[in-house]
Amino acid sequence: LADFMYENMTLEMNVIHSAWKNGCRKLQFLGSSCIYPRMAPQPMPESCLLTSELEKTNEAYALAKISGLKYCEYLNKQYGTDYISVMPTNLYGPNDNYHPEHSHVLPALIRRFHEAKVAGLKEVTCWGDGSPMREFLYVDDLANLCVFLMNNYSGDETVNAGTGKEISIKGLTELVAKVIGYEGAILWDTTRPNGTPRKLLDVSKAKALGWTYRTELEDGIRLAYEDFLNNPMRAER
């Protein structure tokens, strides 16, 4: 945790400080939805930042990201810079990490169900009971929002990047299986942890600025799976 916090904070501070020192007119800092309190209201508005304690399991990462966005805010106030920050929800899409142990939930499910389909397995077991709710944003939609904000937004408060829609892990699992064409049974190991019950971003600010996402989840999963199939080395990472 100490190394993780130090490396993340050092990297972002060096980049932001060097940008300011060299006269960068506009900078955009990308964070993560984990910056918001563990018991944040749902959906989570930008204004709930630092209103209560963070989730302990990713506190080091969250503190590093909060420090980066606050440094941008303080540079704006002290030196009149135009530095903004964006906080994305869970991302997925081409070039994702499909490592069997170190990947996030959606790419992990893509790999698991693909391998089950190829091996002809009759059942796949997933952790928990499938009840937690999650939000997912296709990576190209985030890129589109980043360009949009660079052209249309200035301000100290961060901007949430998401769809404003959520799906249960059970629903997500069934959708991935459908896209991949896996027809076996899906079982749930309820002795395993579920994780945070709900993490949904309030995206009304981005909508008010004139932006909305384009890629529906099923379409995005299909594009991600095509990328996985066309690039076998993805599964090795």
Protein backbone atom coordinates (compact mmCIF):
# COMPACT_ATOMS: atom_id res chain seq x y z
CA LEU A 1 0.00 0.00 0.00
CA ALA A 2 2.82 2.41 0.83
CA ASP A 3 4.59 1.79 -2.49
CA PHE A 4 1.31 2.03 -4.40
CA MET A 5 0.44 5.38 -2.84
CA TYR A 6 3.95 6.80 -3.22
CA GLU A 7 4.34 5.79 -6.86
CA ASN A 8 0.91 7.03 -7.93
CA MET A 9 1.23 10.32 -6.11
CA THR A 10 4.78 10.94 -7.31
CA LEU A 11 3.88 10.25 -10.93
CA GLU A 12 0.85 12.53 -11.00
CA MET A 13 2.48 15.35 -9.05
CA ASN A 14 5.53 15.34 -11.31
CA VAL A 15 3.40 15.39 -14.46
CA ILE A 16 1.01 18.11 -13.28
CA HIS A 17 3.79 20.24 -11.78
CA SER A 18 5.92 19.93 -14.93
CA ALA A 19 2.94 20.88 -17.08
CA TRP A 20 2.39 24.03 -15.00
CA LYS A 21 6.11 24.86 -14.89
CA ASN A 22 6.34 24.65 -18.68
CA GLY A 23 3.31 26.80 -19.37
CA CYS A 24 0.75 24.13 -20.29
CA ARG A 25 -2.45 26.06 -20.95
CA LYS A 26 -4.92 23.26 -20.25
CA LEU A 27 -4.54 19.89 -18.55
CA GLN A 28 -6.97 17.09 -17.85
CA PHE A 29 -6.43 14.75 -14.89
CA LEU A 30 -8.10 11.34 -14.89
CA GLY A 31 -9.07 9.82 -11.58
CA SER A 32 -11.40 7.02 -10.51
CA SER A 33 -14.82 6.66 -8.92
CA CYS A 34 -13.10 5.16 -5.86
CA ILE A 35 -12.32 8.74 -4.73
CA TYR A 36 -15.85 8.98 -3.32
CA PRO A 37 -16.74 7.96 0.26
CA ARG A 38 -17.54 4.36 1.11
CA MET A 39 -21.05 5.38 2.15
CA ALA A 40 -21.61 7.95 -0.58
CA PRO A 41 -25.19 8.66 -1.69
CA GLN A 42 -26.24 6.71 -4.80
CA PRO A 43 -25.90 7.80 -7.54
CA MET A 44 -22.68 9.53 -6.41
CA PRO A 45 -22.56 13.28 -7.22
CA GLU A 46 -19.28 15.15 -7.61
CA SER A 47 -20.16 17.20 -4.53
CA CYS A 48 -19.92 14.22 -2.15
CA LEU A 49 -16.11 14.17 -2.40
CA LEU A 50 -14.43 14.19 1.04
CA THR A 51 -17.75 14.24 2.92
CA SER A 52 -17.00 10.99 4.82
CA GLU A 53 -14.42 8.20 5.09
CA LEU A 54 -13.09 6.26 2.12
CA GLU A 55 -13.29 2.53 1.45
CA LYS A 56 -10.34 1.12 3.42
CA THR A 57 -9.37 -1.51 0.84
CA ASN A 58 -8.47 1.09 -1.80
CA GLU A 59 -7.82 4.12 0.41
CA ALA A 60 -4.19 4.52 -0.71
CA TYR A 61 -5.18 4.72 -4.38
CA ALA A 62 -8.12 7.02 -3.65
CA LEU A 63 -5.95 9.42 -1.63
CA ALA A 64 -3.44 9.62 -4.47
CA LYS A 65 -6.18 10.44 -6.98
CA ILE A 66 -7.78 13.00 -4.66
CA SER A 67 -4.38 14.67 -4.23
CA GLY A 68 -4.01 14.98 -8.01
CA LEU A 69 -7.39 16.58 -8.57
CA LYS A 70 -6.91 18.90 -5.59
CA TYR A 71 -3.49 19.98 -6.89
CA CYS A 72 -5.16 20.92 -10.19
CA GLU A 73 -7.79 22.88 -8.24
CA TYR A 74 -5.18 24.73 -6.18
CA LEU A 75 -3.12 25.61 -9.26
CA ASN A 76 -6.25 27.08 -10.83
CA LYS A 77 -6.91 29.20 -7.74
CA GLN A 78 -3.33 30.32 -7.15
CA TYR A 79 -2.00 30.70 -10.69
CA GLY A 80 -5.09 30.97 -12.89
CA THR A 81 -4.48 27.75 -14.79
CA ASP A 82 -7.23 25.87 -16.63
CA TYR A 83 -6.72 22.36 -15.25
CA ILE A 84 -9.71 20.03 -15.01
CA SER A 85 -10.34 16.51 -13.70
CA VAL A 86 -12.57 13.63 -14.80
CA MET A 87 -13.65 10.65 -12.69
CA PRO A 88 -14.58 7.58 -14.77
CA THR A 89 -16.65 4.63 -13.67
CA ASN A 90 -15.58 1.04 -14.53
CA LEU A 91 -14.07 1.01 -18.01
CA TYR A 92 -13.87 -1.78 -20.60
CA GLY A 93 -13.08 -2.29 -24.26
CA PRO A 94 -10.22 -3.03 -26.69
CA ASN A 95 -6.71 -3.49 -25.26
CA ASP A 96 -8.07 -4.48 -21.86
CA ASN A 97 -6.25 -6.68 -19.36
CA TYR A 98 -7.55 -10.27 -19.43
CA HIS A 99 -5.13 -11.73 -16.90
CA PRO A 100 -6.80 -14.60 -14.96
CA GLU A 101 -5.88 -13.12 -11.57
CA HIS A 102 -5.22 -9.40 -12.08
CA SER A 103 -8.05 -8.22 -14.35
CA HIS A 104 -11.29 -6.42 -13.57
CA VAL A 105 -14.68 -8.09 -13.54
CA LEU A 106 -15.81 -7.63 -17.16
CA PRO A 107 -12.61 -8.73 -18.97
CA ALA A 108 -12.26 -11.55 -16.42
CA LEU A 109 -15.76 -12.78 -17.32
CA ILE A 110 -15.00 -12.55 -21.06
CA ARG A 111 -11.96 -14.74 -20.65
CA ARG A 112 -13.68 -17.18 -18.28
CA PHE A 113 -16.69 -17.78 -20.51
CA HIS A 114 -14.60 -17.94 -23.67
CA GLU A 115 -12.40 -20.62 -22.14
CA ALA A 116 -15.46 -22.49 -20.84
CA LYS A 117 -17.02 -22.43 -24.30
CA VAL A 118 -13.83 -23.68 -25.98
CA ALA A 119 -13.39 -26.43 -23.37
CA GLY A 120 -17.05 -27.44 -23.55
CA LEU A 121 -17.59 -26.99 -19.82
CA LYS A 122 -21.13 -27.64 -18.63
CA GLU A 123 -20.99 -25.07 -15.83
CA VAL A 124 -19.10 -21.97 -14.67
CA THR A 125 -18.93 -20.84 -11.04
CA CYS A 126 -18.76 -17.14 -10.16
CA TRP A 127 -18.10 -15.44 -6.82
CA GLY A 128 -20.79 -14.10 -4.51
CA ASP A 129 -24.52 -14.14 -5.22
CA GLY A 130 -24.54 -11.80 -8.22
CA SER A 131 -26.50 -9.06 -6.45
CA PRO A 132 -24.00 -6.13 -6.44
CA MET A 133 -24.81 -3.37 -8.91
CA ARG A 134 -22.14 -1.91 -11.19
CA GLU A 135 -21.83 0.69 -13.96
CA PHE A 136 -19.65 0.26 -17.07
CA LEU A 137 -18.44 2.77 -19.65
CA TYR A 138 -16.96 1.79 -23.02
CA VAL A 139 -13.44 3.18 -23.34
CA ASP A 140 -14.10 5.03 -26.61
CA ASP A 141 -16.96 6.88 -24.93
CA LEU A 142 -14.57 8.04 -22.21
CA ALA A 143 -12.13 9.24 -24.86
CA ASN A 144 -14.96 11.15 -26.53
CA LEU A 145 -15.92 12.78 -23.22
CA CYS A 146 -12.30 13.73 -22.50
CA VAL A 147 -12.05 15.61 -25.81
CA PHE A 148 -15.47 17.17 -25.24
CA LEU A 149 -14.50 18.48 -21.81
CA MET A 150 -11.18 19.87 -23.03
CA ASN A 151 -13.16 21.94 -25.50
CA ASN A 152 -16.19 22.79 -23.38
CA TYR A 153 -15.42 22.72 -19.66
CA SER A 154 -13.42 24.77 -17.19
CA GLY A 155 -13.84 24.47 -13.43
CA ASP A 156 -12.38 23.27 -10.16
CA GLU A 157 -14.95 20.55 -9.48
CA THR A 158 -14.38 17.19 -11.15
CA VAL A 159 -16.77 15.73 -13.74
CA ASN A 160 -18.13 12.19 -13.46
CA ALA A 161 -17.77 9.96 -16.51
CA GLY A 162 -20.32 7.19 -16.80
CA THR A 163 -23.59 6.07 -18.35
CA GLY A 164 -25.92 6.64 -15.41
CA LYS A 165 -27.08 3.04 -15.87
CA GLU A 166 -26.27 0.04 -13.70
CA ILE A 167 -26.53 -3.71 -13.98
CA SER A 168 -26.25 -6.49 -11.42
CA ILE A 169 -23.20 -8.74 -11.55
CA LYS A 170 -25.62 -11.59 -12.25
CA GLY A 171 -27.11 -9.68 -15.17
CA LEU A 172 -23.64 -8.79 -16.44
CA THR A 173 -22.52 -12.42 -16.22
CA GLU A 174 -25.54 -13.60 -18.20
CA LEU A 175 -24.97 -10.89 -20.81
CA VAL A 176 -21.32 -11.85 -21.28
CA ALA A 177 -22.29 -15.52 -21.61
CA LYS A 178 -24.89 -14.56 -24.22
CA VAL A 179 -22.44 -12.50 -26.30
CA ILE A 180 -19.80 -15.23 -26.20
CA GLY A 181 -22.31 -17.99 -26.93
CA TYR A 182 -21.74 -20.01 -23.79
CA GLU A 183 -24.82 -22.16 -23.10
CA GLY A 184 -23.82 -24.00 -19.91
CA ALA A 185 -25.04 -23.39 -16.37
CA ILE A 186 -23.89 -20.43 -14.27
CA LEU A 187 -23.44 -21.24 -10.58
CA TRP A 188 -22.77 -18.87 -7.67
CA ASP A 189 -20.39 -19.49 -4.77
CA THR A 190 -22.06 -17.55 -1.96
CA THR A 191 -19.18 -18.29 0.42
CA ARG A 192 -17.17 -15.75 -1.58
CA PRO A 193 -17.50 -11.98 -0.95
CA ASN A 194 -19.81 -9.77 -2.98
CA GLY A 195 -17.86 -6.53 -2.63
CA THR A 196 -19.48 -3.09 -2.43
CA PRO A 197 -23.26 -3.41 -2.97
CA ARG A 198 -23.60 -0.46 -5.35
CA LYS A 199 -21.38 2.04 -7.18
CA LEU A 200 -23.25 4.32 -9.56
CA LEU A 201 -22.09 7.76 -10.68
CA ASP A 202 -24.39 10.74 -10.99
CA VAL A 203 -23.71 11.89 -14.57
CA SER A 204 -26.17 14.79 -14.65
CA LYS A 205 -23.31 17.30 -14.78
CA ALA A 206 -21.86 15.84 -17.98
CA LYS A 207 -25.36 15.67 -19.48
CA ALA A 208 -26.01 19.31 -18.59
CA LEU A 209 -22.81 20.24 -20.42
CA GLY A 210 -24.19 18.49 -23.52
CA TRP A 211 -22.53 15.08 -23.46
CA THR A 212 -23.93 11.56 -23.20
CA TYR A 213 -22.51 8.09 -23.80
CA ARG A 214 -23.02 6.30 -27.13
CA THR A 215 -22.20 2.61 -26.64
CA GLU A 216 -24.76 0.32 -25.02
CA LEU A 217 -23.31 -2.40 -22.80
CA GLU A 218 -24.15 -5.41 -24.99
CA ASP A 219 -22.67 -3.72 -28.07
CA GLY A 220 -19.55 -2.77 -26.14
CA ILE A 221 -19.07 -6.29 -24.79
CA ARG A 222 -19.36 -7.63 -28.34
CA LEU A 223 -16.67 -5.20 -29.52
CA ALA A 224 -14.44 -6.13 -26.59
CA TYR A 225 -14.86 -9.84 -27.28
CA GLU A 226 -13.99 -9.34 -30.96
CA ASP A 227 -10.81 -7.58 -29.87
CA PHE A 228 -10.01 -10.45 -27.51
CA LEU A 229 -10.48 -13.01 -30.29
CA ASN A 230 -8.43 -11.04 -32.81
CA ASN A 231 -5.52 -10.52 -30.42
CA PRO A 232 -4.66 -13.83 -28.71
CA MET A 233 -1.81 -12.23 -26.73
CA ARG A 234 -4.39 -10.22 -24.77
CA ALA A 235 -5.09 -13.35 -22.70
CA GLU A 236 -1.47 -13.57 -21.62
CA ARG A 237 -1.53 -10.20 -19.85
